[in-house]
């Protein structure tokens, strides 16, 4: 089965604060990757689906679409669509440290690590819709 994609380029244009920088193929890839993140966040959620596995109710479908667009928008702001920068932690050269310290990165909660990777707005959208697990919802 093909990966479900929860938002289109038209959805992104209507929901994002700023237009996407890049071509439509790149935006399509980002929306697909963000849809994977939305599915990971909602894996334990209970909601009705249609025959293709998409949310059947409009409020749930809208939450998926808005969260998908919010993730892509966050990646555009951070220029980190793979999450590599968020996961790498500190870079240390001698006594100079750039980024978070390794002890702070280790101490970060699962929610904080998630927020660094996909942004708080997407998590809030899905949490407000009752679609995330307790590990994501509680700080």
N, C-alpha and C. Protein backbone atom coordinates (compact mmCIF):
# COMPACT_ATOMS: atom_id res chain seq x y z
N UNK A 1 0.84 -1.18 0.00
CA UNK A 1 0.00 0.00 0.00
C UNK A 1 0.88 1.25 0.00
N UNK A 2 0.51 2.20 -0.78
CA UNK A 2 1.26 3.46 -0.87
C UNK A 2 1.06 4.30 0.40
N UNK A 3 2.04 5.11 0.68
CA UNK A 3 1.96 6.02 1.82
C UNK A 3 0.83 7.03 1.61
N UNK A 4 -0.01 7.17 2.62
CA UNK A 4 -1.06 8.18 2.56
C UNK A 4 -0.43 9.56 2.74
N UNK A 5 -0.91 10.52 2.01
CA UNK A 5 -0.45 11.91 2.12
C UNK A 5 -1.67 12.74 2.51
N UNK A 6 -1.56 13.47 3.60
CA UNK A 6 -2.72 14.12 4.22
C UNK A 6 -2.93 15.56 3.81
N UNK A 7 -2.05 16.12 2.99
CA UNK A 7 -2.23 17.51 2.55
C UNK A 7 -1.67 17.66 1.14
N UNK A 8 -2.22 18.60 0.43
CA UNK A 8 -1.77 18.90 -0.93
C UNK A 8 -1.03 20.23 -0.94
N UNK A 9 -0.44 20.54 -2.08
CA UNK A 9 0.24 21.83 -2.21
C UNK A 9 -0.76 22.97 -2.08
N UNK A 10 -1.99 22.76 -2.50
CA UNK A 10 -3.03 23.78 -2.34
C UNK A 10 -3.35 23.98 -0.86
N UNK A 11 -3.43 22.88 -0.10
CA UNK A 11 -3.65 22.97 1.35
C UNK A 11 -2.52 23.76 1.99
N UNK A 12 -1.29 23.44 1.60
CA UNK A 12 -0.14 24.14 2.17
C UNK A 12 -0.22 25.64 1.88
N UNK A 13 -0.54 25.99 0.65
CA UNK A 13 -0.62 27.40 0.28
C UNK A 13 -1.69 28.13 1.09
N UNK A 14 -2.78 27.45 1.43
CA UNK A 14 -3.84 28.12 2.17
C UNK A 14 -3.60 28.14 3.68
N UNK A 15 -2.80 27.21 4.21
CA UNK A 15 -2.59 27.12 5.65
C UNK A 15 -1.29 27.74 6.15
N UNK A 16 -0.26 27.74 5.34
CA UNK A 16 1.06 28.22 5.78
C UNK A 16 1.12 29.74 5.78
N UNK A 17 1.92 30.26 6.68
CA UNK A 17 2.12 31.72 6.76
C UNK A 17 2.84 32.25 5.53
N UNK A 18 3.84 31.51 5.07
CA UNK A 18 4.65 31.95 3.94
C UNK A 18 4.58 30.92 2.83
N UNK A 19 4.74 31.35 1.58
CA UNK A 19 4.73 30.38 0.47
C UNK A 19 5.94 29.45 0.56
N UNK A 20 5.80 28.26 -0.01
CA UNK A 20 6.88 27.28 -0.03
C UNK A 20 7.97 27.75 -0.98
N UNK A 21 9.21 27.66 -0.54
CA UNK A 21 10.35 28.01 -1.39
C UNK A 21 10.84 26.73 -2.05
N UNK A 22 10.64 26.63 -3.34
CA UNK A 22 11.04 25.43 -4.06
C UNK A 22 9.95 25.00 -5.02
N UNK A 23 10.21 23.92 -5.73
CA UNK A 23 9.25 23.47 -6.72
C UNK A 23 8.19 22.55 -6.11
N UNK A 24 7.16 22.26 -6.90
CA UNK A 24 6.05 21.45 -6.40
C UNK A 24 6.47 20.01 -6.11
N UNK A 25 7.45 19.48 -6.84
CA UNK A 25 7.93 18.13 -6.56
C UNK A 25 8.55 18.05 -5.16
N UNK A 26 9.35 19.05 -4.82
CA UNK A 26 9.98 19.10 -3.50
C UNK A 26 8.91 19.23 -2.42
N UNK A 27 7.91 20.08 -2.65
CA UNK A 27 6.84 20.24 -1.67
C UNK A 27 6.07 18.93 -1.51
N UNK A 28 5.83 18.23 -2.61
CA UNK A 28 5.15 16.94 -2.53
C UNK A 28 5.91 15.94 -1.69
N UNK A 29 7.23 15.91 -1.83
CA UNK A 29 8.06 15.01 -1.03
C UNK A 29 8.01 15.39 0.45
N UNK A 30 8.03 16.68 0.73
CA UNK A 30 7.96 17.14 2.12
C UNK A 30 6.59 16.80 2.74
N UNK A 31 5.53 16.98 1.98
CA UNK A 31 4.19 16.65 2.49
C UNK A 31 4.08 15.15 2.76
N UNK A 32 4.70 14.34 1.92
CA UNK A 32 4.70 12.90 2.14
C UNK A 32 5.48 12.56 3.42
N UNK A 33 6.65 13.14 3.59
CA UNK A 33 7.45 12.89 4.79
C UNK A 33 6.73 13.37 6.05
N UNK A 34 6.09 14.51 5.96
CA UNK A 34 5.34 15.03 7.11
C UNK A 34 4.14 14.14 7.42
N UNK A 35 3.53 13.57 6.40
CA UNK A 35 2.41 12.65 6.61
C UNK A 35 2.87 11.40 7.37
N UNK A 36 4.07 10.95 7.10
CA UNK A 36 4.64 9.82 7.85
C UNK A 36 4.75 10.20 9.33
N UNK A 37 5.22 11.42 9.60
CA UNK A 37 5.33 11.89 10.99
C UNK A 37 3.95 11.93 11.66
N UNK A 38 2.95 12.41 10.93
CA UNK A 38 1.59 12.47 11.48
C UNK A 38 1.10 11.07 11.80
N UNK A 39 1.34 10.12 10.92
CA UNK A 39 0.94 8.73 11.19
C UNK A 39 1.65 8.17 12.42
N UNK A 40 2.94 8.49 12.58
CA UNK A 40 3.66 8.02 13.77
C UNK A 40 3.03 8.60 15.03
N UNK A 41 2.66 9.86 15.00
CA UNK A 41 2.09 10.52 16.18
C UNK A 41 0.71 10.00 16.53
N UNK A 42 -0.02 9.54 15.54
CA UNK A 42 -1.41 9.13 15.75
C UNK A 42 -1.59 7.62 15.70
N UNK A 43 -0.51 6.90 15.77
CA UNK A 43 -0.54 5.44 15.62
C UNK A 43 -1.51 4.77 16.59
N UNK A 44 -1.62 5.27 17.80
CA UNK A 44 -2.47 4.64 18.81
C UNK A 44 -3.85 5.31 18.91
N UNK A 45 -4.10 6.30 18.10
CA UNK A 45 -5.38 7.01 18.14
C UNK A 45 -6.49 6.15 17.55
N UNK A 46 -7.71 6.39 18.02
CA UNK A 46 -8.88 5.67 17.51
C UNK A 46 -9.75 6.66 16.75
N UNK A 47 -10.00 6.36 15.48
CA UNK A 47 -10.87 7.17 14.65
C UNK A 47 -11.33 6.32 13.48
N UNK A 48 -12.46 6.68 12.91
CA UNK A 48 -12.98 5.94 11.76
C UNK A 48 -12.20 6.31 10.51
N UNK A 49 -12.01 5.32 9.64
CA UNK A 49 -11.30 5.55 8.38
C UNK A 49 -12.17 5.12 7.20
N UNK A 50 -11.84 5.66 6.04
CA UNK A 50 -12.52 5.25 4.81
C UNK A 50 -11.82 4.01 4.25
N UNK A 51 -12.23 3.56 3.07
CA UNK A 51 -11.68 2.33 2.50
C UNK A 51 -10.19 2.44 2.17
N UNK A 52 -9.69 3.67 2.01
CA UNK A 52 -8.27 3.87 1.71
C UNK A 52 -7.43 4.13 2.97
N UNK A 53 -8.06 4.13 4.14
CA UNK A 53 -7.33 4.33 5.39
C UNK A 53 -7.22 5.78 5.83
N UNK A 54 -7.84 6.69 5.11
CA UNK A 54 -7.83 8.11 5.50
C UNK A 54 -8.90 8.35 6.56
N UNK A 55 -8.70 9.34 7.44
CA UNK A 55 -9.73 9.65 8.43
C UNK A 55 -11.07 9.94 7.75
N UNK A 56 -12.14 9.35 8.31
CA UNK A 56 -13.47 9.50 7.71
C UNK A 56 -14.17 10.77 8.16
N UNK A 57 -13.87 11.25 9.36
CA UNK A 57 -14.56 12.45 9.85
C UNK A 57 -13.79 13.71 9.47
N UNK A 58 -14.52 14.76 9.17
CA UNK A 58 -13.91 16.01 8.75
C UNK A 58 -13.00 16.62 9.82
N UNK A 59 -13.39 16.65 11.11
CA UNK A 59 -12.47 17.21 12.12
C UNK A 59 -11.13 16.48 12.21
N UNK A 60 -11.16 15.16 12.12
CA UNK A 60 -9.91 14.39 12.18
C UNK A 60 -9.11 14.61 10.91
N UNK A 61 -9.77 14.57 9.77
CA UNK A 61 -9.11 14.81 8.49
C UNK A 61 -8.46 16.20 8.47
N UNK A 62 -9.17 17.20 8.97
CA UNK A 62 -8.62 18.56 9.03
C UNK A 62 -7.40 18.63 9.95
N UNK A 63 -7.45 17.94 11.08
CA UNK A 63 -6.30 17.93 12.00
C UNK A 63 -5.08 17.30 11.33
N UNK A 64 -5.28 16.20 10.61
CA UNK A 64 -4.19 15.56 9.89
C UNK A 64 -3.61 16.51 8.85
N UNK A 65 -4.47 17.17 8.11
CA UNK A 65 -4.02 18.10 7.06
C UNK A 65 -3.26 19.28 7.67
N UNK A 66 -3.82 19.88 8.71
CA UNK A 66 -3.17 21.04 9.33
C UNK A 66 -1.84 20.67 9.97
N UNK A 67 -1.79 19.52 10.62
CA UNK A 67 -0.54 19.08 11.25
C UNK A 67 0.53 18.78 10.19
N UNK A 68 0.13 18.16 9.10
CA UNK A 68 1.06 17.88 8.01
C UNK A 68 1.66 19.18 7.47
N UNK A 69 0.82 20.15 7.22
CA UNK A 69 1.30 21.44 6.71
C UNK A 69 2.17 22.16 7.76
N UNK A 70 1.79 22.06 9.04
CA UNK A 70 2.57 22.70 10.10
C UNK A 70 3.98 22.11 10.18
N UNK A 71 4.10 20.81 9.99
CA UNK A 71 5.42 20.17 10.02
C UNK A 71 6.27 20.67 8.86
N UNK A 72 5.71 20.71 7.66
CA UNK A 72 6.48 21.19 6.50
C UNK A 72 6.87 22.65 6.71
N UNK A 73 5.98 23.43 7.25
CA UNK A 73 6.29 24.84 7.51
C UNK A 73 7.42 24.97 8.53
N UNK A 74 7.40 24.14 9.56
CA UNK A 74 8.48 24.14 10.56
C UNK A 74 9.80 23.75 9.91
N UNK A 75 9.77 22.74 9.06
CA UNK A 75 10.99 22.33 8.37
C UNK A 75 11.52 23.44 7.48
N UNK A 76 10.64 24.20 6.88
CA UNK A 76 11.08 25.33 6.06
C UNK A 76 11.75 26.40 6.93
N UNK A 77 11.21 26.63 8.13
CA UNK A 77 11.79 27.61 9.05
C UNK A 77 13.14 27.16 9.57
N UNK A 78 13.27 25.88 9.87
CA UNK A 78 14.51 25.36 10.47
C UNK A 78 15.50 24.85 9.44
N UNK A 79 15.06 24.67 8.21
CA UNK A 79 15.88 24.09 7.15
C UNK A 79 16.44 22.73 7.58
N UNK A 80 15.57 21.93 8.24
CA UNK A 80 15.99 20.62 8.75
C UNK A 80 14.89 19.58 8.51
N UNK A 81 14.57 19.28 7.24
CA UNK A 81 13.47 18.34 6.99
C UNK A 81 13.76 16.89 7.38
N UNK A 82 15.00 16.53 7.56
CA UNK A 82 15.32 15.15 7.95
C UNK A 82 15.40 14.99 9.46
N UNK A 83 15.48 16.09 10.21
CA UNK A 83 15.63 16.02 11.65
C UNK A 83 17.05 15.77 12.09
N UNK A 84 17.99 15.77 11.16
CA UNK A 84 19.38 15.48 11.49
C UNK A 84 19.98 16.53 12.43
N UNK A 85 19.71 17.78 12.17
CA UNK A 85 20.26 18.84 13.02
C UNK A 85 19.68 18.76 14.42
N UNK A 86 18.38 18.51 14.52
CA UNK A 86 17.73 18.41 15.82
C UNK A 86 18.28 17.23 16.63
N UNK A 87 18.68 16.16 15.95
CA UNK A 87 19.16 14.96 16.64
C UNK A 87 20.64 14.98 16.94
N UNK A 88 21.42 15.83 16.29
CA UNK A 88 22.87 15.74 16.41
C UNK A 88 23.42 16.21 17.74
N UNK A 89 22.75 17.11 18.43
CA UNK A 89 23.28 17.57 19.70
C UNK A 89 24.37 18.60 19.50
N UNK A 90 25.27 18.67 20.45
CA UNK A 90 26.29 19.70 20.45
C UNK A 90 27.48 19.33 19.58
N UNK A 91 28.12 20.37 19.07
CA UNK A 91 29.39 20.22 18.38
C UNK A 91 30.41 20.94 19.26
N UNK A 92 31.46 20.25 19.66
CA UNK A 92 32.43 20.84 20.57
C UNK A 92 33.82 20.80 19.96
N UNK A 93 34.45 21.98 19.95
CA UNK A 93 35.83 22.11 19.48
C UNK A 93 36.60 22.78 20.61
N UNK A 94 37.45 22.01 21.27
CA UNK A 94 38.17 22.55 22.43
C UNK A 94 37.19 22.93 23.52
N UNK A 95 37.24 24.20 23.94
CA UNK A 95 36.34 24.65 25.00
C UNK A 95 35.07 25.31 24.46
N UNK A 96 34.93 25.35 23.15
CA UNK A 96 33.77 25.98 22.52
C UNK A 96 32.74 24.91 22.18
N UNK A 97 31.48 25.14 22.58
CA UNK A 97 30.41 24.20 22.30
C UNK A 97 29.31 24.93 21.54
N UNK A 98 28.87 24.34 20.42
CA UNK A 98 27.79 24.91 19.62
C UNK A 98 26.58 23.98 19.71
N UNK A 99 25.41 24.55 19.89
CA UNK A 99 24.21 23.73 20.02
C UNK A 99 24.02 23.33 21.46
N UNK A 100 23.18 22.33 21.68
CA UNK A 100 22.94 21.88 23.04
C UNK A 100 24.12 21.05 23.52
N UNK A 101 24.31 20.99 24.81
CA UNK A 101 25.35 20.11 25.33
C UNK A 101 24.84 18.69 25.29
N UNK A 102 25.73 17.75 25.25
CA UNK A 102 25.31 16.35 25.15
C UNK A 102 24.49 15.95 26.36
N UNK A 103 24.79 16.50 27.53
CA UNK A 103 24.01 16.15 28.71
C UNK A 103 22.60 16.72 28.62
N UNK A 104 22.45 17.91 28.04
CA UNK A 104 21.11 18.47 27.86
C UNK A 104 20.33 17.67 26.83
N UNK A 105 20.97 17.22 25.76
CA UNK A 105 20.29 16.44 24.73
C UNK A 105 19.79 15.12 25.32
N UNK A 106 20.61 14.48 26.15
CA UNK A 106 20.22 13.23 26.77
C UNK A 106 19.07 13.44 27.74
N UNK A 107 19.07 14.57 28.43
CA UNK A 107 18.06 14.85 29.44
C UNK A 107 16.73 15.32 28.83
N UNK A 108 16.71 15.64 27.57
CA UNK A 108 15.48 16.12 26.95
C UNK A 108 14.41 15.03 26.98
N UNK A 109 13.18 15.45 27.27
CA UNK A 109 12.06 14.51 27.31
C UNK A 109 11.72 14.05 25.89
N UNK A 110 10.99 12.95 25.76
CA UNK A 110 10.56 12.52 24.43
C UNK A 110 9.77 13.61 23.70
N UNK A 111 8.94 14.35 24.44
CA UNK A 111 8.18 15.44 23.83
C UNK A 111 9.11 16.54 23.32
N UNK A 112 10.12 16.89 24.12
CA UNK A 112 11.06 17.93 23.69
C UNK A 112 11.82 17.52 22.43
N UNK A 113 12.23 16.26 22.37
CA UNK A 113 12.92 15.76 21.19
C UNK A 113 12.00 15.79 19.96
N UNK A 114 10.75 15.45 20.17
CA UNK A 114 9.77 15.49 19.09
C UNK A 114 9.57 16.92 18.60
N UNK A 115 9.44 17.85 19.54
CA UNK A 115 9.24 19.26 19.20
C UNK A 115 10.43 19.78 18.39
N UNK A 116 11.64 19.39 18.76
CA UNK A 116 12.84 19.81 18.02
C UNK A 116 12.80 19.29 16.59
N UNK A 117 12.22 18.10 16.38
CA UNK A 117 12.21 17.49 15.07
C UNK A 117 11.09 17.99 14.17
N UNK A 118 9.87 18.17 14.73
CA UNK A 118 8.74 18.52 13.87
C UNK A 118 8.01 19.81 14.25
N UNK A 119 8.37 20.40 15.38
CA UNK A 119 7.74 21.66 15.78
C UNK A 119 6.56 21.45 16.71
N UNK A 120 6.32 22.45 17.52
CA UNK A 120 5.27 22.36 18.54
C UNK A 120 3.87 22.49 17.96
N UNK A 121 3.70 23.27 16.92
CA UNK A 121 2.36 23.52 16.39
C UNK A 121 1.68 22.24 15.91
N UNK A 122 2.40 21.39 15.21
CA UNK A 122 1.81 20.13 14.73
C UNK A 122 1.40 19.25 15.90
N UNK A 123 2.23 19.17 16.92
CA UNK A 123 1.91 18.37 18.10
C UNK A 123 0.67 18.94 18.78
N UNK A 124 0.60 20.25 18.90
CA UNK A 124 -0.57 20.88 19.52
C UNK A 124 -1.85 20.62 18.73
N UNK A 125 -1.77 20.70 17.42
CA UNK A 125 -2.95 20.45 16.58
C UNK A 125 -3.49 19.04 16.82
N UNK A 126 -2.61 18.06 16.81
CA UNK A 126 -3.04 16.67 16.99
C UNK A 126 -3.47 16.40 18.43
N UNK A 127 -2.80 17.01 19.39
CA UNK A 127 -3.18 16.86 20.79
C UNK A 127 -4.56 17.46 21.04
N UNK A 128 -4.78 18.66 20.52
CA UNK A 128 -6.08 19.31 20.69
C UNK A 128 -7.21 18.51 20.06
N UNK A 129 -6.91 17.74 19.03
CA UNK A 129 -7.91 16.89 18.38
C UNK A 129 -8.06 15.54 19.09
N UNK A 130 -7.27 15.32 20.15
CA UNK A 130 -7.35 14.06 20.90
C UNK A 130 -6.73 12.89 20.18
N UNK A 131 -5.70 13.14 19.37
CA UNK A 131 -5.16 12.10 18.50
C UNK A 131 -3.75 11.63 18.87
N UNK A 132 -3.17 12.16 19.94
CA UNK A 132 -1.80 11.77 20.31
C UNK A 132 -1.79 10.95 21.59
N UNK A 133 -0.73 10.20 21.76
CA UNK A 133 -0.57 9.39 22.96
C UNK A 133 -0.13 10.24 24.13
N UNK A 134 -0.18 9.68 25.32
CA UNK A 134 0.17 10.43 26.53
C UNK A 134 1.62 10.87 26.55
N UNK A 135 2.53 10.13 25.93
CA UNK A 135 3.93 10.52 25.94
C UNK A 135 4.14 11.84 25.19
N UNK A 136 3.31 12.09 24.20
CA UNK A 136 3.40 13.32 23.43
C UNK A 136 2.62 14.44 24.10
N UNK A 137 1.49 14.10 24.72
CA UNK A 137 0.59 15.11 25.24
C UNK A 137 1.04 15.73 26.56
N UNK A 138 1.79 15.01 27.35
CA UNK A 138 2.17 15.50 28.67
C UNK A 138 3.61 15.99 28.67
N UNK A 139 3.82 17.11 29.33
CA UNK A 139 5.18 17.66 29.44
C UNK A 139 5.81 17.24 30.75
